[in-house]
N, C-alpha and C. Protein backbone atom coordinates (compact mmCIF):
# COMPACT_ATOMS: atom_id res chain seq x y z
N MET A 1 -17.65 3.20 18.25
CA MET A 1 -18.06 1.99 18.95
C MET A 1 -16.83 1.43 19.67
N VAL A 2 -17.03 0.92 20.89
CA VAL A 2 -15.93 0.40 21.70
C VAL A 2 -16.16 -1.08 21.95
N GLY A 3 -15.09 -1.87 21.79
CA GLY A 3 -15.17 -3.31 21.99
C GLY A 3 -15.13 -3.67 23.46
N THR A 4 -15.15 -4.97 23.76
CA THR A 4 -15.18 -5.45 25.14
C THR A 4 -13.90 -5.14 25.89
N ASN A 5 -12.77 -4.98 25.19
CA ASN A 5 -11.51 -4.71 25.88
C ASN A 5 -11.22 -3.21 25.98
N GLY A 6 -12.20 -2.37 25.64
CA GLY A 6 -12.03 -0.93 25.76
C GLY A 6 -11.40 -0.27 24.54
N ARG A 7 -10.97 -1.05 23.55
CA ARG A 7 -10.38 -0.48 22.33
C ARG A 7 -11.48 -0.19 21.32
N SER A 8 -11.23 0.80 20.48
CA SER A 8 -12.26 1.17 19.50
C SER A 8 -12.36 0.11 18.41
N VAL A 9 -13.58 -0.08 17.92
CA VAL A 9 -13.85 -1.03 16.86
C VAL A 9 -13.94 -0.25 15.56
N LYS A 10 -13.26 -0.71 14.56
CA LYS A 10 -13.22 -0.03 13.27
C LYS A 10 -13.60 -1.02 12.19
N ASP A 11 -14.41 -0.58 11.24
CA ASP A 11 -14.79 -1.43 10.13
C ASP A 11 -14.15 -0.91 8.85
N TYR A 12 -13.84 -1.83 7.97
CA TYR A 12 -13.15 -1.51 6.72
C TYR A 12 -13.85 -2.21 5.57
N GLY A 13 -13.80 -1.57 4.41
CA GLY A 13 -14.32 -2.17 3.19
C GLY A 13 -13.17 -2.36 2.22
N LEU A 14 -13.04 -3.56 1.67
CA LEU A 14 -11.95 -3.85 0.75
C LEU A 14 -12.40 -3.72 -0.70
N ASP A 15 -11.53 -3.12 -1.48
CA ASP A 15 -11.70 -3.13 -2.93
C ASP A 15 -11.33 -4.55 -3.40
N THR A 16 -11.80 -4.93 -4.55
CA THR A 16 -11.54 -6.27 -5.08
C THR A 16 -10.05 -6.55 -5.20
N CYS A 17 -9.28 -5.58 -5.68
CA CYS A 17 -7.85 -5.81 -5.90
C CYS A 17 -7.13 -6.12 -4.59
N VAL A 18 -7.48 -5.47 -3.50
CA VAL A 18 -6.84 -5.72 -2.21
C VAL A 18 -7.23 -7.10 -1.70
N GLY A 19 -8.50 -7.46 -1.82
CA GLY A 19 -8.95 -8.78 -1.38
C GLY A 19 -8.23 -9.90 -2.12
N ILE A 20 -8.06 -9.73 -3.44
CA ILE A 20 -7.37 -10.74 -4.24
C ILE A 20 -5.88 -10.78 -3.89
N LYS A 21 -5.28 -9.62 -3.64
CA LYS A 21 -3.86 -9.60 -3.24
C LYS A 21 -3.65 -10.36 -1.93
N ILE A 22 -4.55 -10.17 -0.98
CA ILE A 22 -4.44 -10.88 0.30
C ILE A 22 -4.64 -12.37 0.08
N TYR A 23 -5.57 -12.75 -0.78
CA TYR A 23 -5.82 -14.16 -1.06
C TYR A 23 -4.60 -14.81 -1.70
N GLU A 24 -4.03 -14.15 -2.71
CA GLU A 24 -2.89 -14.72 -3.42
C GLU A 24 -1.61 -14.70 -2.59
N ASN A 25 -1.46 -13.70 -1.73
CA ASN A 25 -0.26 -13.61 -0.89
C ASN A 25 -0.68 -13.18 0.51
N PRO A 26 -0.85 -14.15 1.42
CA PRO A 26 -1.30 -13.83 2.78
C PRO A 26 -0.40 -12.84 3.52
N ASN A 27 0.85 -12.70 3.07
CA ASN A 27 1.75 -11.74 3.71
C ASN A 27 1.24 -10.31 3.55
N VAL A 28 0.47 -10.05 2.50
CA VAL A 28 -0.11 -8.71 2.32
C VAL A 28 -1.07 -8.43 3.47
N GLY A 29 -1.86 -9.41 3.85
CA GLY A 29 -2.77 -9.26 4.99
C GLY A 29 -2.00 -9.06 6.29
N ASP A 30 -0.90 -9.80 6.45
CA ASP A 30 -0.07 -9.63 7.63
C ASP A 30 0.53 -8.23 7.68
N LEU A 31 0.98 -7.73 6.53
CA LEU A 31 1.56 -6.39 6.46
C LEU A 31 0.50 -5.35 6.82
N LEU A 32 -0.70 -5.50 6.28
CA LEU A 32 -1.78 -4.57 6.62
C LEU A 32 -2.09 -4.61 8.11
N SER A 33 -2.05 -5.80 8.68
CA SER A 33 -2.32 -5.95 10.11
C SER A 33 -1.26 -5.26 10.96
N CYS A 34 -0.05 -5.18 10.45
CA CYS A 34 1.01 -4.47 11.18
C CYS A 34 0.78 -2.97 11.16
N ARG A 35 0.19 -2.46 10.10
CA ARG A 35 -0.01 -1.02 9.94
C ARG A 35 -1.40 -0.55 10.39
N ILE A 36 -2.39 -1.44 10.29
CA ILE A 36 -3.76 -1.12 10.68
C ILE A 36 -4.19 -2.12 11.74
N ASN A 37 -4.70 -1.66 12.84
CA ASN A 37 -5.12 -2.56 13.90
C ASN A 37 -6.50 -3.14 13.56
N PHE A 38 -6.52 -4.40 13.16
CA PHE A 38 -7.77 -5.07 12.80
C PHE A 38 -8.41 -5.78 13.98
N GLU A 39 -7.85 -5.63 15.17
CA GLU A 39 -8.40 -6.31 16.35
C GLU A 39 -9.83 -5.83 16.59
N ASN A 40 -10.75 -6.75 16.76
CA ASN A 40 -12.18 -6.48 16.97
C ASN A 40 -12.80 -5.71 15.80
N SER A 41 -12.24 -5.83 14.62
CA SER A 41 -12.76 -5.13 13.45
C SER A 41 -13.52 -6.09 12.54
N THR A 42 -14.27 -5.48 11.64
CA THR A 42 -14.99 -6.23 10.63
C THR A 42 -14.57 -5.71 9.27
N ILE A 43 -14.27 -6.64 8.36
CA ILE A 43 -13.94 -6.28 6.99
C ILE A 43 -15.14 -6.62 6.13
N HIS A 44 -15.60 -5.63 5.37
CA HIS A 44 -16.77 -5.80 4.51
C HIS A 44 -16.32 -6.08 3.08
N LEU A 45 -16.90 -7.08 2.49
CA LEU A 45 -16.79 -7.31 1.05
C LEU A 45 -18.19 -7.10 0.51
N CYS A 46 -18.39 -6.06 -0.29
CA CYS A 46 -19.74 -5.79 -0.79
C CYS A 46 -20.05 -6.71 -1.97
N SER A 47 -21.31 -6.76 -2.35
CA SER A 47 -21.74 -7.67 -3.42
C SER A 47 -21.04 -7.35 -4.74
N GLN A 48 -20.67 -6.10 -4.98
CA GLN A 48 -19.92 -5.76 -6.19
C GLN A 48 -18.54 -6.41 -6.18
N THR A 49 -17.89 -6.43 -5.02
CA THR A 49 -16.59 -7.09 -4.87
C THR A 49 -16.73 -8.59 -5.14
N VAL A 50 -17.80 -9.17 -4.65
CA VAL A 50 -18.06 -10.60 -4.87
C VAL A 50 -18.24 -10.87 -6.37
N ILE A 51 -19.00 -10.03 -7.05
CA ILE A 51 -19.23 -10.20 -8.50
C ILE A 51 -17.91 -10.12 -9.26
N GLU A 52 -17.09 -9.10 -8.93
CA GLU A 52 -15.82 -8.93 -9.63
C GLU A 52 -14.86 -10.09 -9.36
N ALA A 53 -14.80 -10.56 -8.12
CA ALA A 53 -13.92 -11.68 -7.78
C ALA A 53 -14.37 -12.95 -8.51
N ASN A 54 -15.68 -13.20 -8.54
CA ASN A 54 -16.20 -14.37 -9.26
C ASN A 54 -15.91 -14.28 -10.75
N ARG A 55 -16.05 -13.08 -11.32
CA ARG A 55 -15.79 -12.88 -12.75
C ARG A 55 -14.32 -13.19 -13.08
N LEU A 56 -13.43 -12.91 -12.12
CA LEU A 56 -12.01 -13.18 -12.32
C LEU A 56 -11.63 -14.63 -11.97
N GLY A 57 -12.60 -15.44 -11.55
CA GLY A 57 -12.38 -16.86 -11.29
C GLY A 57 -12.01 -17.19 -9.86
N TYR A 58 -12.26 -16.32 -8.92
CA TYR A 58 -11.93 -16.57 -7.51
C TYR A 58 -13.17 -17.01 -6.74
N ASP A 59 -12.96 -17.94 -5.82
CA ASP A 59 -14.04 -18.40 -4.93
C ASP A 59 -14.09 -17.44 -3.76
N ILE A 60 -15.19 -16.73 -3.62
CA ILE A 60 -15.29 -15.69 -2.61
C ILE A 60 -15.21 -16.25 -1.20
N ASN A 61 -15.65 -17.49 -1.00
CA ASN A 61 -15.55 -18.10 0.34
C ASN A 61 -14.08 -18.33 0.70
N ALA A 62 -13.29 -18.79 -0.25
CA ALA A 62 -11.86 -18.98 0.01
C ALA A 62 -11.16 -17.64 0.22
N VAL A 63 -11.55 -16.65 -0.56
CA VAL A 63 -10.95 -15.31 -0.43
C VAL A 63 -11.26 -14.73 0.95
N SER A 64 -12.53 -14.79 1.36
CA SER A 64 -12.90 -14.22 2.65
C SER A 64 -12.26 -14.98 3.81
N LYS A 65 -12.12 -16.29 3.68
CA LYS A 65 -11.46 -17.08 4.72
C LYS A 65 -9.99 -16.67 4.85
N GLN A 66 -9.31 -16.49 3.73
CA GLN A 66 -7.90 -16.10 3.76
C GLN A 66 -7.73 -14.69 4.34
N ILE A 67 -8.64 -13.79 3.99
CA ILE A 67 -8.59 -12.43 4.53
C ILE A 67 -8.74 -12.46 6.04
N SER A 68 -9.68 -13.25 6.52
CA SER A 68 -9.92 -13.37 7.96
C SER A 68 -8.70 -13.96 8.68
N GLU A 69 -8.09 -15.00 8.09
CA GLU A 69 -6.92 -15.62 8.71
C GLU A 69 -5.72 -14.68 8.71
N SER A 70 -5.54 -13.92 7.64
CA SER A 70 -4.37 -13.04 7.52
C SER A 70 -4.47 -11.80 8.40
N THR A 71 -5.68 -11.27 8.53
CA THR A 71 -5.84 -10.02 9.27
C THR A 71 -6.33 -10.22 10.69
N GLY A 72 -7.00 -11.33 10.95
CA GLY A 72 -7.58 -11.56 12.27
C GLY A 72 -8.92 -10.88 12.45
N ALA A 73 -9.45 -10.28 11.39
CA ALA A 73 -10.74 -9.59 11.46
C ALA A 73 -11.86 -10.50 10.97
N LYS A 74 -13.05 -10.17 11.40
CA LYS A 74 -14.23 -10.88 10.93
C LYS A 74 -14.57 -10.34 9.54
N VAL A 75 -14.93 -11.22 8.61
CA VAL A 75 -15.27 -10.81 7.25
C VAL A 75 -16.75 -11.05 7.01
N ILE A 76 -17.43 -10.02 6.51
CA ILE A 76 -18.84 -10.16 6.16
C ILE A 76 -19.03 -9.72 4.71
N ILE A 77 -20.11 -10.21 4.12
CA ILE A 77 -20.45 -9.82 2.75
C ILE A 77 -21.72 -8.99 2.83
N GLY A 78 -21.63 -7.76 2.32
CA GLY A 78 -22.76 -6.83 2.36
C GLY A 78 -23.38 -6.65 0.99
N LYS A 79 -24.63 -6.26 0.97
CA LYS A 79 -25.37 -6.10 -0.28
C LYS A 79 -25.40 -4.63 -0.68
N VAL A 80 -25.14 -4.37 -1.95
CA VAL A 80 -25.29 -3.04 -2.51
C VAL A 80 -26.77 -2.85 -2.82
N THR A 81 -27.41 -1.91 -2.13
CA THR A 81 -28.86 -1.69 -2.28
C THR A 81 -29.15 -0.75 -3.46
N PHE A 82 -30.42 -0.58 -3.76
CA PHE A 82 -30.85 0.29 -4.85
C PHE A 82 -30.42 1.74 -4.59
N SER A 83 -30.57 2.20 -3.35
CA SER A 83 -30.17 3.58 -3.04
C SER A 83 -28.65 3.75 -3.19
N MET A 84 -27.90 2.70 -2.91
CA MET A 84 -26.44 2.75 -3.10
C MET A 84 -26.10 2.81 -4.59
N VAL A 85 -26.86 2.10 -5.41
CA VAL A 85 -26.65 2.14 -6.86
C VAL A 85 -26.91 3.56 -7.38
N GLN A 86 -27.95 4.20 -6.86
CA GLN A 86 -28.24 5.58 -7.26
C GLN A 86 -27.10 6.51 -6.84
N ASP A 87 -26.59 6.31 -5.62
CA ASP A 87 -25.46 7.11 -5.15
C ASP A 87 -24.23 6.85 -6.02
N ALA A 88 -24.04 5.61 -6.45
CA ALA A 88 -22.91 5.26 -7.31
C ALA A 88 -22.99 6.01 -8.63
N GLU A 89 -24.19 6.10 -9.20
CA GLU A 89 -24.37 6.83 -10.45
C GLU A 89 -24.07 8.32 -10.26
N TYR A 90 -24.48 8.87 -9.12
CA TYR A 90 -24.19 10.27 -8.81
C TYR A 90 -22.68 10.48 -8.67
N LEU A 91 -22.02 9.57 -7.97
CA LEU A 91 -20.56 9.68 -7.76
C LEU A 91 -19.80 9.64 -9.08
N GLU A 92 -20.28 8.84 -10.03
CA GLU A 92 -19.63 8.77 -11.34
C GLU A 92 -19.65 10.11 -12.06
N THR A 93 -20.70 10.89 -11.83
CA THR A 93 -20.79 12.20 -12.48
C THR A 93 -19.88 13.22 -11.80
N LYS A 94 -19.57 13.02 -10.53
CA LYS A 94 -18.75 13.98 -9.77
C LYS A 94 -17.27 13.65 -9.75
N CYS A 95 -16.93 12.39 -9.96
CA CYS A 95 -15.53 11.94 -9.87
C CYS A 95 -15.09 11.35 -11.20
N PRO A 96 -14.25 12.05 -11.96
CA PRO A 96 -13.85 11.57 -13.28
C PRO A 96 -13.00 10.30 -13.26
N THR A 97 -12.40 9.97 -12.12
CA THR A 97 -11.54 8.78 -12.04
C THR A 97 -12.31 7.53 -11.67
N LEU A 98 -13.61 7.64 -11.53
CA LEU A 98 -14.43 6.54 -11.03
C LEU A 98 -15.16 5.83 -12.17
N HIS A 99 -15.14 4.49 -12.16
CA HIS A 99 -15.90 3.74 -13.16
C HIS A 99 -16.96 2.90 -12.47
N ARG A 100 -17.80 2.25 -13.24
CA ARG A 100 -19.02 1.60 -12.78
C ARG A 100 -18.82 0.69 -11.55
N GLY A 101 -17.96 -0.27 -11.60
CA GLY A 101 -17.81 -1.20 -10.48
C GLY A 101 -17.28 -0.53 -9.22
N ASP A 102 -16.28 0.30 -9.39
CA ASP A 102 -15.70 1.01 -8.25
C ASP A 102 -16.69 1.97 -7.61
N SER A 103 -17.57 2.55 -8.42
CA SER A 103 -18.55 3.49 -7.88
C SER A 103 -19.51 2.77 -6.92
N SER A 104 -19.84 1.52 -7.22
CA SER A 104 -20.71 0.74 -6.32
C SER A 104 -20.00 0.43 -5.01
N ILE A 105 -18.72 0.09 -5.10
CA ILE A 105 -17.94 -0.18 -3.88
C ILE A 105 -17.86 1.08 -3.03
N LEU A 106 -17.58 2.23 -3.67
CA LEU A 106 -17.49 3.49 -2.94
C LEU A 106 -18.83 3.87 -2.34
N ALA A 107 -19.91 3.67 -3.06
CA ALA A 107 -21.25 3.98 -2.53
C ALA A 107 -21.56 3.11 -1.32
N TYR A 108 -21.18 1.84 -1.36
CA TYR A 108 -21.40 0.94 -0.22
C TYR A 108 -20.62 1.43 0.99
N VAL A 109 -19.35 1.78 0.78
CA VAL A 109 -18.50 2.25 1.87
C VAL A 109 -19.07 3.54 2.47
N ARG A 110 -19.51 4.45 1.61
CA ARG A 110 -20.10 5.71 2.09
C ARG A 110 -21.36 5.46 2.91
N ALA A 111 -22.22 4.59 2.42
CA ALA A 111 -23.49 4.33 3.09
C ALA A 111 -23.31 3.66 4.45
N THR A 112 -22.31 2.80 4.55
CA THR A 112 -22.08 2.10 5.81
C THR A 112 -21.16 2.86 6.75
N GLY A 113 -20.52 3.91 6.26
CA GLY A 113 -19.66 4.74 7.12
C GLY A 113 -18.36 4.07 7.52
N ILE A 114 -17.85 3.18 6.68
CA ILE A 114 -16.61 2.47 6.99
C ILE A 114 -15.45 3.07 6.19
N THR A 115 -14.24 2.61 6.47
CA THR A 115 -13.04 3.09 5.79
C THR A 115 -12.72 2.17 4.63
N LEU A 116 -12.45 2.76 3.48
CA LEU A 116 -12.12 2.00 2.27
C LEU A 116 -10.64 1.68 2.24
N ILE A 117 -10.28 0.45 1.89
CA ILE A 117 -8.89 0.06 1.66
C ILE A 117 -8.77 -0.32 0.19
N THR A 118 -7.98 0.44 -0.55
CA THR A 118 -7.81 0.19 -1.98
C THR A 118 -6.44 0.60 -2.45
N CYS A 119 -5.93 -0.12 -3.45
CA CYS A 119 -4.68 0.25 -4.12
C CYS A 119 -4.95 1.02 -5.40
N ASP A 120 -6.21 1.10 -5.79
CA ASP A 120 -6.62 1.79 -7.00
C ASP A 120 -6.60 3.30 -6.74
N ARG A 121 -5.63 3.99 -7.36
CA ARG A 121 -5.48 5.42 -7.10
C ARG A 121 -6.69 6.23 -7.57
N GLY A 122 -7.33 5.80 -8.64
CA GLY A 122 -8.52 6.49 -9.11
C GLY A 122 -9.65 6.38 -8.10
N LEU A 123 -9.84 5.20 -7.54
CA LEU A 123 -10.87 4.99 -6.53
C LEU A 123 -10.52 5.75 -5.25
N ALA A 124 -9.25 5.73 -4.87
CA ALA A 124 -8.82 6.47 -3.67
C ALA A 124 -9.06 7.97 -3.84
N GLU A 125 -8.78 8.48 -5.03
CA GLU A 125 -9.01 9.91 -5.30
C GLU A 125 -10.49 10.24 -5.23
N ALA A 126 -11.32 9.36 -5.78
CA ALA A 126 -12.77 9.56 -5.73
C ALA A 126 -13.27 9.51 -4.29
N ALA A 127 -12.70 8.64 -3.47
CA ALA A 127 -13.09 8.55 -2.06
C ALA A 127 -12.76 9.86 -1.34
N VAL A 128 -11.60 10.42 -1.62
CA VAL A 128 -11.22 11.69 -1.00
C VAL A 128 -12.18 12.80 -1.45
N ILE A 129 -12.48 12.85 -2.74
CA ILE A 129 -13.40 13.86 -3.28
C ILE A 129 -14.77 13.75 -2.62
N SER A 130 -15.22 12.51 -2.37
CA SER A 130 -16.55 12.29 -1.79
C SER A 130 -16.56 12.37 -0.27
N GLY A 131 -15.41 12.62 0.34
CA GLY A 131 -15.35 12.75 1.80
C GLY A 131 -15.35 11.43 2.54
N THR A 132 -14.92 10.37 1.90
CA THR A 132 -14.87 9.04 2.50
C THR A 132 -13.45 8.75 2.98
N LYS A 133 -13.34 8.14 4.15
CA LYS A 133 -12.03 7.76 4.66
C LYS A 133 -11.47 6.65 3.78
N VAL A 134 -10.17 6.76 3.46
CA VAL A 134 -9.55 5.78 2.57
C VAL A 134 -8.12 5.51 3.02
N VAL A 135 -7.71 4.24 2.86
CA VAL A 135 -6.34 3.83 3.13
C VAL A 135 -5.81 3.16 1.87
N ASN A 136 -4.67 3.65 1.38
CA ASN A 136 -4.02 3.03 0.24
C ASN A 136 -2.80 2.28 0.77
N PRO A 137 -2.81 0.94 0.75
CA PRO A 137 -1.69 0.17 1.30
C PRO A 137 -0.34 0.52 0.65
N ASP A 138 -0.38 0.99 -0.60
CA ASP A 138 0.87 1.36 -1.26
C ASP A 138 1.48 2.61 -0.65
N LEU A 139 0.69 3.39 0.08
CA LEU A 139 1.18 4.65 0.64
C LEU A 139 1.20 4.65 2.16
N LEU A 140 1.26 3.48 2.77
CA LEU A 140 1.28 3.40 4.24
C LEU A 140 2.59 3.97 4.78
N PRO A 141 2.65 4.28 6.07
CA PRO A 141 3.81 4.94 6.67
C PRO A 141 5.16 4.25 6.50
N CYS A 142 5.21 3.02 6.03
CA CYS A 142 6.50 2.37 5.84
C CYS A 142 7.36 3.14 4.84
N ASN A 143 6.73 3.93 3.96
CA ASN A 143 7.51 4.76 3.04
C ASN A 143 8.28 5.84 3.80
N ASP A 144 7.71 6.37 4.89
CA ASP A 144 8.40 7.37 5.70
C ASP A 144 9.59 6.74 6.42
N ILE A 145 9.45 5.49 6.83
CA ILE A 145 10.54 4.80 7.49
C ILE A 145 11.73 4.67 6.55
N SER A 146 11.48 4.35 5.30
CA SER A 146 12.58 4.19 4.35
C SER A 146 13.29 5.52 4.12
N LYS A 147 12.57 6.64 4.18
CA LYS A 147 13.22 7.95 4.04
C LYS A 147 14.16 8.19 5.21
N ASN A 148 13.73 7.79 6.44
CA ASN A 148 14.58 7.98 7.60
C ASN A 148 15.83 7.11 7.53
N VAL A 149 15.70 5.92 7.00
CA VAL A 149 16.85 5.03 6.87
C VAL A 149 17.86 5.64 5.91
N LYS A 150 17.40 6.19 4.81
CA LYS A 150 18.31 6.81 3.85
C LYS A 150 19.09 7.94 4.51
N SER A 151 18.40 8.80 5.24
CA SER A 151 19.08 9.94 5.84
C SER A 151 20.03 9.50 6.96
N LYS A 152 19.72 8.41 7.63
CA LYS A 152 20.56 7.91 8.71
C LYS A 152 21.93 7.49 8.17
N TYR A 153 21.96 6.93 6.98
CA TYR A 153 23.21 6.46 6.38
C TYR A 153 23.81 7.45 5.39
N ALA A 154 23.23 8.63 5.30
CA ALA A 154 23.72 9.61 4.33
C ALA A 154 25.18 9.97 4.58
N GLY A 155 25.59 10.08 5.84
CA GLY A 155 26.98 10.42 6.18
C GLY A 155 27.94 9.35 5.70
N ILE A 156 27.58 8.10 5.85
CA ILE A 156 28.42 7.00 5.39
C ILE A 156 28.55 7.05 3.88
N VAL A 157 27.44 7.30 3.22
CA VAL A 157 27.46 7.37 1.76
C VAL A 157 28.35 8.53 1.31
N ARG A 158 28.24 9.68 1.97
CA ARG A 158 29.08 10.83 1.61
C ARG A 158 30.56 10.49 1.78
N LYS A 159 30.93 9.80 2.88
CA LYS A 159 32.32 9.43 3.10
C LYS A 159 32.81 8.47 2.03
N ALA A 160 31.95 7.54 1.63
CA ALA A 160 32.32 6.58 0.59
C ALA A 160 32.54 7.29 -0.74
N ILE A 161 31.78 8.32 -0.98
CA ILE A 161 31.94 9.06 -2.22
C ILE A 161 33.22 9.90 -2.19
N VAL A 162 33.57 10.44 -1.02
CA VAL A 162 34.76 11.28 -0.90
C VAL A 162 36.03 10.45 -1.04
N LYS A 163 36.05 9.23 -0.51
CA LYS A 163 37.26 8.39 -0.55
C LYS A 163 37.81 8.19 -1.96
N PRO A 164 36.99 7.82 -2.94
CA PRO A 164 37.55 7.63 -4.28
C PRO A 164 38.21 8.90 -4.83
N ILE A 165 37.70 10.05 -4.48
CA ILE A 165 38.31 11.29 -4.93
C ILE A 165 39.70 11.43 -4.32
N VAL A 166 39.84 11.11 -3.04
CA VAL A 166 41.14 11.19 -2.37
C VAL A 166 42.11 10.20 -3.01
N VAL A 167 41.63 9.00 -3.28
CA VAL A 167 42.48 7.98 -3.90
C VAL A 167 42.95 8.46 -5.27
N LYS A 168 42.07 9.04 -6.03
CA LYS A 168 42.45 9.53 -7.35
C LYS A 168 43.50 10.63 -7.22
N GLN A 169 43.38 11.48 -6.20
CA GLN A 169 44.35 12.54 -6.01
C GLN A 169 45.71 11.96 -5.65
N LYS A 170 45.74 10.93 -4.80
CA LYS A 170 47.00 10.29 -4.45
C LYS A 170 47.61 9.62 -5.67
N ALA A 171 46.81 8.98 -6.46
CA ALA A 171 47.31 8.32 -7.66
C ALA A 171 47.91 9.33 -8.62
N LYS A 172 47.32 10.48 -8.74
CA LYS A 172 47.84 11.51 -9.62
C LYS A 172 49.22 11.97 -9.13
N SER A 173 49.43 12.02 -7.83
CA SER A 173 50.72 12.48 -7.31
C SER A 173 51.81 11.45 -7.55
N LEU A 174 51.46 10.19 -7.76
CA LEU A 174 52.45 9.15 -8.01
C LEU A 174 52.79 9.02 -9.50
N LEU A 175 52.08 9.69 -10.33
CA LEU A 175 52.36 9.62 -11.76
C LEU A 175 53.71 10.27 -12.06
N LEU A 176 54.34 9.78 -13.10
CA LEU A 176 55.62 10.34 -13.51
C LEU A 176 55.44 11.74 -14.08
N LYS A 177 56.33 12.56 -13.69
CA LYS A 177 56.32 13.91 -14.23
C LYS A 177 57.12 13.90 -15.51
N PRO A 178 56.87 14.84 -16.39
CA PRO A 178 57.61 14.86 -17.66
C PRO A 178 59.12 14.89 -17.43
N GLY A 179 59.80 14.04 -18.15
CA GLY A 179 61.26 13.98 -18.05
C GLY A 179 61.78 12.97 -17.04
N LYS A 180 60.93 12.34 -16.24
CA LYS A 180 61.39 11.35 -15.25
C LYS A 180 61.29 9.96 -15.85
N LYS A 181 62.18 9.07 -15.38
CA LYS A 181 62.20 7.69 -15.86
C LYS A 181 61.91 6.74 -14.71
N ILE A 182 61.44 5.56 -15.09
CA ILE A 182 61.25 4.51 -14.09
C ILE A 182 62.55 3.71 -14.04
N ILE A 183 63.07 3.51 -12.85
CA ILE A 183 64.26 2.70 -12.68
C ILE A 183 63.78 1.33 -12.23
N TRP A 184 63.85 0.35 -13.14
CA TRP A 184 63.26 -0.95 -12.92
C TRP A 184 64.02 -1.75 -11.88
N ARG A 185 65.29 -1.53 -11.71
CA ARG A 185 66.01 -2.33 -10.73
C ARG A 185 65.57 -2.04 -9.29
N SER A 186 64.91 -0.95 -9.06
CA SER A 186 64.43 -0.65 -7.73
C SER A 186 63.24 -1.53 -7.33
N PHE A 187 62.61 -2.20 -8.31
CA PHE A 187 61.48 -3.07 -8.03
C PHE A 187 61.91 -4.52 -7.79
N VAL A 188 63.19 -4.84 -7.97
CA VAL A 188 63.66 -6.20 -7.85
C VAL A 188 63.97 -6.55 -6.41
């Protein structure tokens, strides 16, 4: 689907843990927005996510408002249907890392054809097994950037490591050899 400005429109479904992280720390939403283009996108919170957030004491209206403000995307709440519940039960039998609540979220994401965003490695693994697109914010490309930074400064680090060895060698050459004395008046 293409938006009015010619850019593609992408929809995402959030796992409960990601939604709560964005609510508690809006910078998480800003970080996701830097890595994922949420422009003209819709973020889905399924009814299972709403149930889990409410059970943990969060107001889903406040959570969805914060997600929208942090990412700039429209947030909607979708219903997990009976056929999705059946698919969730099937997914639980095929994916050993999947449990009841997460299976409903995954079934919703599969049925709507959207991309799942989750930090739950078990749910992410189940999404991959089921052929669903998934993004794990913990594994976004910023990890590759940090690897490049390390290698960029590797030469400096190597030089810093070599210097102490040279200093130790110079210090060894200044040590007294057997049979030599220190003449203290030379220091006065």
